[in-house]
Amino acid sequence: MCKFRRQELASTAWAFSTLDFCDRPLMNSISSQARRSLTQGADDVQGIGNIAWAYASLNLRDMPLFDALAAAALARISEFGV
């Protein structure tokens, strides 16, 4: 069982992407946990944005993750302030 909260997962993914360093096993693990977390509701819009940016910046095309991010973002679209 994962002991990291959604924002911690997002921050870790973001940190690796700012360094342009892709550790595939780690990013796969973060993706898997993030997808589970996103389906449980109460999503943090900052975390959604950070994870999306991190995976896009690293050119990681994890469609199940992006599908989960899109669904979570649409559910909270009014909170994004755009």
PDB file of N, CA and C in Angstrom:
ATOM      1  N   MET A   1       0.837  -1.187   0.000  1.00  0.00           N
ATOM      2  CA  MET A   1       0.000   0.000   0.000  1.00  0.00           C
ATOM      3  C   MET A   1       0.880   1.248   0.000  1.00  0.00           C
ATOM      4  N   CYS A   2       0.523   2.214  -0.794  1.00  0.00           N
ATOM      5  CA  CYS A   2       1.280   3.454  -0.922  1.00  0.00           C
ATOM      6  C   CYS A   2       1.011   4.362   0.272  1.00  0.00           C
ATOM      7  N   LYS A   3       2.068   4.974   0.773  1.00  0.00           N
ATOM      8  CA  LYS A   3       1.923   5.880   1.902  1.00  0.00           C
ATOM      9  C   LYS A   3       2.064   7.333   1.486  1.00  0.00           C
ATOM     10  N   PHE A   4       2.156   7.573   0.184  1.00  0.00           N
ATOM     11  CA  PHE A   4       2.288   8.928  -0.313  1.00  0.00           C
ATOM     12  C   PHE A   4       0.925   9.501  -0.654  1.00  0.00           C
ATOM     13  N   ARG A   5       0.742  10.761  -0.315  1.00  0.00           N
ATOM     14  CA  ARG A   5      -0.494  11.448  -0.701  1.00  0.00           C
ATOM     15  C   ARG A   5      -0.367  11.892  -2.148  1.00  0.00           C
ATOM     16  N   ARG A   6      -1.497  12.249  -2.723  1.00  0.00           N
ATOM     17  CA  ARG A   6      -1.549  12.670  -4.123  1.00  0.00           C
ATOM     18  C   ARG A   6      -0.564  13.797  -4.417  1.00  0.00           C
ATOM     19  N   GLN A   7      -0.513  14.809  -3.573  1.00  0.00           N
ATOM     20  CA  GLN A   7       0.378  15.944  -3.813  1.00  0.00           C
ATOM     21  C   GLN A   7       1.840  15.513  -3.729  1.00  0.00           C
ATOM     22  N   GLU A   8       2.157  14.583  -2.869  1.00  0.00           N
ATOM     23  CA  GLU A   8       3.536  14.090  -2.773  1.00  0.00           C
ATOM     24  C   GLU A   8       3.932  13.343  -4.044  1.00  0.00           C
ATOM     25  N   LEU A   9       3.004  12.571  -4.590  1.00  0.00           N
ATOM     26  CA  LEU A   9       3.256  11.887  -5.862  1.00  0.00           C
ATOM     27  C   LEU A   9       3.500  12.919  -6.964  1.00  0.00           C
ATOM     28  N   ALA A  10       2.643  13.933  -7.002  1.00  0.00           N
ATOM     29  CA  ALA A  10       2.766  14.973  -8.021  1.00  0.00           C
ATOM     30  C   ALA A  10       4.081  15.727  -7.876  1.00  0.00           C
ATOM     31  N   SER A  11       4.458  16.038  -6.652  1.00  0.00           N
ATOM     32  CA  SER A  11       5.702  16.774  -6.416  1.00  0.00           C
ATOM     33  C   SER A  11       6.924  15.955  -6.816  1.00  0.00           C
ATOM     34  N   THR A  12       6.889  14.670  -6.566  1.00  0.00           N
ATOM     35  CA  THR A  12       8.004  13.802  -6.946  1.00  0.00           C
ATOM     36  C   THR A  12       8.131  13.735  -8.464  1.00  0.00           C
ATOM     37  N   ALA A  13       7.012  13.530  -9.140  1.00  0.00           N
ATOM     38  CA  ALA A  13       7.030  13.489 -10.604  1.00  0.00           C
ATOM     39  C   ALA A  13       7.511  14.827 -11.161  1.00  0.00           C
ATOM     40  N   TRP A  14       7.040  15.924 -10.589  1.00  0.00           N
ATOM     41  CA  TRP A  14       7.426  17.255 -11.038  1.00  0.00           C
ATOM     42  C   TRP A  14       8.932  17.474 -10.850  1.00  0.00           C
ATOM     43  N   ALA A  15       9.460  17.062  -9.695  1.00  0.00           N
ATOM     44  CA  ALA A  15      10.885  17.253  -9.415  1.00  0.00           C
ATOM     45  C   ALA A  15      11.755  16.506 -10.426  1.00  0.00           C
ATOM     46  N   PHE A  16      11.398  15.268 -10.734  1.00  0.00           N
ATOM     47  CA  PHE A  16      12.173  14.511 -11.707  1.00  0.00           C
ATOM     48  C   PHE A  16      12.083  15.150 -13.094  1.00  0.00           C
ATOM     49  N   SER A  17      10.918  15.651 -13.441  1.00  0.00           N
ATOM     50  CA  SER A  17      10.769  16.236 -14.771  1.00  0.00           C
ATOM     51  C   SER A  17      11.530  17.550 -14.895  1.00  0.00           C
ATOM     52  N   THR A  18      11.621  18.342 -13.819  1.00  0.00           N
ATOM     53  CA  THR A  18      12.393  19.587 -13.899  1.00  0.00           C
ATOM     54  C   THR A  18      13.875  19.302 -14.100  1.00  0.00           C
ATOM     55  N   LEU A  19      14.320  18.145 -13.651  1.00  0.00           N
ATOM     56  CA  LEU A  19      15.710  17.727 -13.859  1.00  0.00           C
ATOM     57  C   LEU A  19      15.900  17.020 -15.200  1.00  0.00           C
ATOM     58  N   ASP A  20      14.797  16.829 -15.910  1.00  0.00           N
ATOM     59  CA  ASP A  20      14.793  16.086 -17.166  1.00  0.00           C
ATOM     60  C   ASP A  20      15.411  14.694 -16.978  1.00  0.00           C
ATOM     61  N   PHE A  21      15.035  14.083 -15.863  1.00  0.00           N
ATOM     62  CA  PHE A  21      15.530  12.756 -15.518  1.00  0.00           C
ATOM     63  C   PHE A  21      14.348  11.802 -15.439  1.00  0.00           C
ATOM     64  N   CYS A  22      14.391  10.775 -16.239  1.00  0.00           N
ATOM     65  CA  CYS A  22      13.274   9.836 -16.287  1.00  0.00           C
ATOM     66  C   CYS A  22      13.718   8.470 -15.781  1.00  0.00           C
ATOM     67  N   ASP A  23      13.276   8.140 -14.601  1.00  0.00           N
ATOM     68  CA  ASP A  23      13.477   6.809 -14.044  1.00  0.00           C
ATOM     69  C   ASP A  23      12.177   6.051 -14.316  1.00  0.00           C
ATOM     70  N   ARG A  24      12.181   5.243 -15.375  1.00  0.00           N
ATOM     71  CA  ARG A  24      10.957   4.578 -15.830  1.00  0.00           C
ATOM     72  C   ARG A  24      10.234   3.796 -14.737  1.00  0.00           C
ATOM     73  N   PRO A  25      10.946   2.946 -13.969  1.00  0.00           N
ATOM     74  CA  PRO A  25      10.226   2.204 -12.923  1.00  0.00           C
ATOM     75  C   PRO A  25       9.555   3.128 -11.903  1.00  0.00           C
ATOM     76  N   LEU A  26      10.249   4.196 -11.514  1.00  0.00           N
ATOM     77  CA  LEU A  26       9.661   5.134 -10.570  1.00  0.00           C
ATOM     78  C   LEU A  26       8.455   5.838 -11.182  1.00  0.00           C
ATOM     79  N   MET A  27       8.594   6.329 -12.411  1.00  0.00           N
ATOM     80  CA  MET A  27       7.485   7.040 -13.046  1.00  0.00           C
ATOM     81  C   MET A  27       6.295   6.114 -13.293  1.00  0.00           C
ATOM     82  N   ASN A  28       6.557   4.850 -13.613  1.00  0.00           N
ATOM     83  CA  ASN A  28       5.468   3.880 -13.774  1.00  0.00           C
ATOM     84  C   ASN A  28       4.751   3.654 -12.449  1.00  0.00           C
ATOM     85  N   SER A  29       5.516   3.595 -11.383  1.00  0.00           N
ATOM     86  CA  SER A  29       4.934   3.400 -10.059  1.00  0.00           C
ATOM     87  C   SER A  29       4.093   4.617  -9.641  1.00  0.00           C
ATOM     88  N   ILE A  30       4.626   5.804  -9.880  1.00  0.00           N
ATOM     89  CA  ILE A  30       3.869   7.025  -9.565  1.00  0.00           C
ATOM     90  C   ILE A  30       2.592   7.067 -10.387  1.00  0.00           C
ATOM     91  N   SER A  31       2.694   6.735 -11.660  1.00  0.00           N
ATOM     92  CA  SER A  31       1.532   6.737 -12.542  1.00  0.00           C
ATOM     93  C   SER A  31       0.455   5.789 -12.037  1.00  0.00           C
ATOM     94  N   SER A  32       0.863   4.601 -11.676  1.00  0.00           N
ATOM     95  CA  SER A  32      -0.085   3.601 -11.192  1.00  0.00           C
ATOM     96  C   SER A  32      -0.806   4.081  -9.940  1.00  0.00           C
ATOM     97  N   GLN A  33      -0.053   4.607  -8.987  1.00  0.00           N
ATOM     98  CA  GLN A  33      -0.668   5.095  -7.753  1.00  0.00           C
ATOM     99  C   GLN A  33      -1.509   6.338  -8.011  1.00  0.00           C
ATOM    100  N   ALA A  34      -1.048   7.215  -8.880  1.00  0.00           N
ATOM    101  CA  ALA A  34      -1.809   8.427  -9.193  1.00  0.00           C
ATOM    102  C   ALA A  34      -3.150   8.078  -9.829  1.00  0.00           C
ATOM    103  N   ARG A  35      -3.153   7.100 -10.735  1.00  0.00           N
ATOM    104  CA  ARG A  35      -4.423   6.692 -11.355  1.00  0.00           C
ATOM    105  C   ARG A  35      -5.394   6.192 -10.301  1.00  0.00           C
ATOM    106  N   ARG A  36      -4.918   5.368  -9.375  1.00  0.00           N
ATOM    107  CA  ARG A  36      -5.789   4.871  -8.297  1.00  0.00           C
ATOM    108  C   ARG A  36      -6.296   6.029  -7.458  1.00  0.00           C
ATOM    109  N   SER A  37      -5.411   6.942  -7.140  1.00  0.00           N
ATOM    110  CA  SER A  37      -5.754   8.079  -6.313  1.00  0.00           C
ATOM    111  C   SER A  37      -6.781   8.988  -6.996  1.00  0.00           C
ATOM    112  N   LEU A  38      -6.601   9.200  -8.295  1.00  0.00           N
ATOM    113  CA  LEU A  38      -7.515  10.077  -9.038  1.00  0.00           C
ATOM    114  C   LEU A  38      -8.930   9.513  -9.097  1.00  0.00           C
ATOM    115  N   THR A  39      -9.070   8.212  -9.092  1.00  0.00           N
ATOM    116  CA  THR A  39     -10.403   7.617  -9.162  1.00  0.00           C
ATOM    117  C   THR A  39     -11.116   7.624  -7.813  1.00  0.00           C
ATOM    118  N   GLN A  40     -10.395   7.997  -6.758  1.00  0.00           N
ATOM    119  CA  GLN A  40     -10.996   8.020  -5.423  1.00  0.00           C
ATOM    120  C   GLN A  40     -11.607   9.372  -5.077  1.00  0.00           C
ATOM    121  N   GLY A  41     -11.498  10.340  -5.963  1.00  0.00           N
ATOM    122  CA  GLY A  41     -12.127  11.641  -5.755  1.00  0.00           C
ATOM    123  C   GLY A  41     -11.303  12.582  -4.894  1.00  0.00           C
ATOM    124  N   ALA A  42     -11.889  13.728  -4.580  1.00  0.00           N
ATOM    125  CA  ALA A  42     -11.252  14.779  -3.782  1.00  0.00           C
ATOM    126  C   ALA A  42      -9.894  15.181  -4.365  1.00  0.00           C
ATOM    127  N   ASP A  43      -9.862  15.346  -5.666  1.00  0.00           N
ATOM    128  CA  ASP A  43      -8.614  15.665  -6.351  1.00  0.00           C
ATOM    129  C   ASP A  43      -8.168  17.084  -6.051  1.00  0.00           C
ATOM    130  N   ASP A  44      -6.872  17.264  -5.957  1.00  0.00           N
ATOM    131  CA  ASP A  44      -6.236  18.554  -5.752  1.00  0.00           C
ATOM    132  C   ASP A  44      -5.863  19.075  -7.136  1.00  0.00           C
ATOM    133  N   VAL A  45      -6.369  20.230  -7.530  1.00  0.00           N
ATOM    134  CA  VAL A  45      -6.113  20.721  -8.889  1.00  0.00           C
ATOM    135  C   VAL A  45      -4.637  21.007  -9.129  1.00  0.00           C
ATOM    136  N   GLN A  46      -3.917  21.421  -8.099  1.00  0.00           N
ATOM    137  CA  GLN A  46      -2.475  21.634  -8.251  1.00  0.00           C
ATOM    138  C   GLN A  46      -1.782  20.314  -8.561  1.00  0.00           C
ATOM    139  N   GLY A  47      -2.176  19.263  -7.874  1.00  0.00           N
ATOM    140  CA  GLY A  47      -1.602  17.940  -8.118  1.00  0.00           C
ATOM    141  C   GLY A  47      -1.918  17.423  -9.505  1.00  0.00           C
ATOM    142  N   ILE A  48      -3.139  17.639  -9.953  1.00  0.00           N
ATOM    143  CA  ILE A  48      -3.534  17.228 -11.303  1.00  0.00           C
ATOM    144  C   ILE A  48      -2.652  17.917 -12.333  1.00  0.00           C
ATOM    145  N   GLY A  49      -2.495  19.220 -12.178  1.00  0.00           N
ATOM    146  CA  GLY A  49      -1.667  19.985 -13.106  1.00  0.00           C
ATOM    147  C   GLY A  49      -0.200  19.583 -13.064  1.00  0.00           C
ATOM    148  N   ASN A  50       0.318  19.366 -11.858  1.00  0.00           N
ATOM    149  CA  ASN A  50       1.727  18.989 -11.717  1.00  0.00           C
ATOM    150  C   ASN A  50       2.027  17.635 -12.355  1.00  0.00           C
ATOM    151  N   ILE A  51       1.165  16.678 -12.127  1.00  0.00           N
ATOM    152  CA  ILE A  51       1.393  15.355 -12.716  1.00  0.00           C
ATOM    153  C   ILE A  51       1.284  15.419 -14.234  1.00  0.00           C
ATOM    154  N   ALA A  52       0.269  16.109 -14.729  1.00  0.00           N
ATOM    155  CA  ALA A  52       0.111  16.232 -16.185  1.00  0.00           C
ATOM    156  C   ALA A  52       1.340  16.893 -16.799  1.00  0.00           C
ATOM    157  N   TRP A  53       1.804  17.983 -16.194  1.00  0.00           N
ATOM    158  CA  TRP A  53       2.978  18.694 -16.715  1.00  0.00           C
ATOM    159  C   TRP A  53       4.210  17.800 -16.682  1.00  0.00           C
ATOM    160  N   ALA A  54       4.412  17.098 -15.572  1.00  0.00           N
ATOM    161  CA  ALA A  54       5.606  16.260 -15.408  1.00  0.00           C
ATOM    162  C   ALA A  54       5.672  15.172 -16.472  1.00  0.00           C
ATOM    163  N   TYR A  55       4.573  14.462 -16.676  1.00  0.00           N
ATOM    164  CA  TYR A  55       4.577  13.367 -17.649  1.00  0.00           C
ATOM    165  C   TYR A  55       4.674  13.894 -19.078  1.00  0.00           C
ATOM    166  N   ALA A  56       4.026  15.012 -19.348  1.00  0.00           N
ATOM    167  CA  ALA A  56       4.127  15.601 -20.685  1.00  0.00           C
ATOM    168  C   ALA A  56       5.543  16.115 -20.935  1.00  0.00           C
ATOM    169  N   SER A  57       6.165  16.729 -19.929  1.00  0.00           N
ATOM    170  CA  SER A  57       7.524  17.254 -20.082  1.00  0.00           C
ATOM    171  C   SER A  57       8.542  16.158 -20.325  1.00  0.00           C
ATOM    172  N   LEU A  58       8.318  14.997 -19.726  1.00  0.00           N
ATOM    173  CA  LEU A  58       9.232  13.873 -19.916  1.00  0.00           C
ATOM    174  C   LEU A  58       8.863  13.040 -21.145  1.00  0.00           C
ATOM    175  N   ASN A  59       7.855  13.497 -21.873  1.00  0.00           N
ATOM    176  CA  ASN A  59       7.404  12.783 -23.071  1.00  0.00           C
ATOM    177  C   ASN A  59       6.937  11.369 -22.761  1.00  0.00           C
ATOM    178  N   LEU A  60       6.361  11.188 -21.581  1.00  0.00           N
ATOM    179  CA  LEU A  60       5.824   9.886 -21.192  1.00  0.00           C
ATOM    180  C   LEU A  60       4.357   9.845 -21.606  1.00  0.00           C
ATOM    181  N   ARG A  61       4.047   8.976 -22.514  1.00  0.00           N
ATOM    182  CA  ARG A  61       2.684   8.908 -23.038  1.00  0.00           C
ATOM    183  C   ARG A  61       1.926   7.766 -22.378  1.00  0.00           C
ATOM    184  N   ASP A  62       1.554   8.011 -21.137  1.00  0.00           N
ATOM    185  CA  ASP A  62       0.820   7.032 -20.345  1.00  0.00           C
ATOM    186  C   ASP A  62      -0.669   7.346 -20.481  1.00  0.00           C
ATOM    187  N   MET A  63      -1.295   6.768 -21.497  1.00  0.00           N
ATOM    188  CA  MET A  63      -2.686   7.120 -21.788  1.00  0.00           C
ATOM    189  C   MET A  63      -3.644   6.817 -20.643  1.00  0.00           C
ATOM    190  N   PRO A  64      -3.503   5.704 -19.921  1.00  0.00           N
ATOM    191  CA  PRO A  64      -4.413   5.513 -18.787  1.00  0.00           C
ATOM    192  C   PRO A  64      -4.285   6.638 -17.758  1.00  0.00           C
ATOM    193  N   LEU A  65      -3.062   7.113 -17.530  1.00  0.00           N
ATOM    194  CA  LEU A  65      -2.881   8.224 -16.598  1.00  0.00           C
ATOM    195  C   LEU A  65      -3.523   9.486 -17.146  1.00  0.00           C
ATOM    196  N   PHE A  66      -3.285   9.799 -18.421  1.00  0.00           N
ATOM    197  CA  PHE A  66      -3.857  11.018 -18.995  1.00  0.00           C
ATOM    198  C   PHE A  66      -5.381  10.955 -19.057  1.00  0.00           C
ATOM    199  N   ASP A  67      -5.939   9.781 -19.277  1.00  0.00           N
ATOM    200  CA  ASP A  67      -7.393   9.637 -19.241  1.00  0.00           C
ATOM    201  C   ASP A  67      -7.925   9.937 -17.839  1.00  0.00           C
ATOM    202  N   ALA A  68      -7.239   9.423 -16.811  1.00  0.00           N
ATOM    203  CA  ALA A  68      -7.653   9.674 -15.427  1.00  0.00           C
ATOM    204  C   ALA A  68      -7.476  11.150 -15.068  1.00  0.00           C
ATOM    205  N   LEU A  69      -6.382  11.757 -15.523  1.00  0.00           N
ATOM    206  CA  LEU A  69      -6.155  13.187 -15.278  1.00  0.00           C
ATOM    207  C   LEU A  69      -7.233  14.036 -15.943  1.00  0.00           C
ATOM    208  N   ALA A  70      -7.590  13.687 -17.172  1.00  0.00           N
ATOM    209  CA  ALA A  70      -8.616  14.444 -17.899  1.00  0.00           C
ATOM    210  C   ALA A  70      -9.958  14.362 -17.178  1.00  0.00           C
ATOM    211  N   ALA A  71     -10.320  13.177 -16.730  1.00  0.00           N
ATOM    212  CA  ALA A  71     -11.593  13.007 -16.019  1.00  0.00           C
ATOM    213  C   ALA A  71     -11.590  13.806 -14.718  1.00  0.00           C
ATOM    214  N   ALA A  72     -10.486  13.750 -13.987  1.00  0.00           N
ATOM    215  CA  ALA A  72     -10.391  14.492 -12.730  1.00  0.00           C
ATOM    216  C   ALA A  72     -10.420  15.999 -12.983  1.00  0.00           C
ATOM    217  N   ALA A  73      -9.732  16.437 -14.025  1.00  0.00           N
ATOM    218  CA  ALA A  73      -9.700  17.864 -14.348  1.00  0.00           C
ATOM    219  C   ALA A  73     -11.081  18.369 -14.760  1.00  0.00           C
ATOM    220  N   LEU A  74     -11.781  17.598 -15.564  1.00  0.00           N
ATOM    221  CA  LEU A  74     -13.122  18.013 -15.983  1.00  0.00           C
ATOM    222  C   LEU A  74     -14.070  18.120 -14.799  1.00  0.00           C
ATOM    223  N   ALA A  75     -13.913  17.234 -13.835  1.00  0.00           N
ATOM    224  CA  ALA A  75     -14.772  17.280 -12.655  1.00  0.00           C
ATOM    225  C   ALA A  75     -14.503  18.522 -11.802  1.00  0.00           C
ATOM    226  N   ARG A  76     -13.295  19.104 -11.904  1.00  0.00           N
ATOM    227  CA  ARG A  76     -12.925  20.253 -11.092  1.00  0.00           C
ATOM    228  C   ARG A  76     -12.554  21.468 -11.940  1.00  0.00           C
ATOM    229  N   ILE A  77     -13.016  21.531 -13.159  1.00  0.00           N
ATOM    230  CA  ILE A  77     -12.590  22.551 -14.136  1.00  0.00           C
ATOM    231  C   ILE A  77     -12.759  23.985 -13.596  1.00  0.00           C
ATOM    232  N   SER A  78     -13.775  24.239 -12.835  1.00  0.00           N
ATOM    233  CA  SER A  78     -14.021  25.606 -12.355  1.00  0.00           C
ATOM    234  C   SER A  78     -12.946  26.058 -11.349  1.00  0.00           C
ATOM    235  N   GLU A  79     -12.194  25.136 -10.795  1.00  0.00           N
ATOM    236  CA  GLU A  79     -11.179  25.474  -9.807  1.00  0.00           C
ATOM    237  C   GLU A  79      -9.811  25.776 -10.412  1.00  0.00           C
ATOM    238  N   PHE A  80      -9.667  25.584 -11.714  1.00  0.00           N
ATOM    239  CA  PHE A  80      -8.375  25.791 -12.344  1.00  0.00           C
ATOM    240  C   PHE A  80      -8.054  27.251 -12.586  1.00  0.00           C
ATOM    241  N   GLY A  81      -9.022  28.120 -12.553  1.00  0.00           N
ATOM    242  CA  GLY A  81      -8.783  29.539 -12.678  1.00  0.00           C
ATOM    243  C   GLY A  81      -8.263  29.991 -14.030  1.00  0.00           C
ATOM    244  N   VAL A  82      -8.723  29.340 -15.089  1.00  0.00           N
ATOM    245  CA  VAL A  82      -8.318  29.751 -16.434  1.00  0.00           C
ATOM    246  C   VAL A  82      -9.466  30.365 -17.169  1.00  0.00           C
TER     247      VAL A  82
END
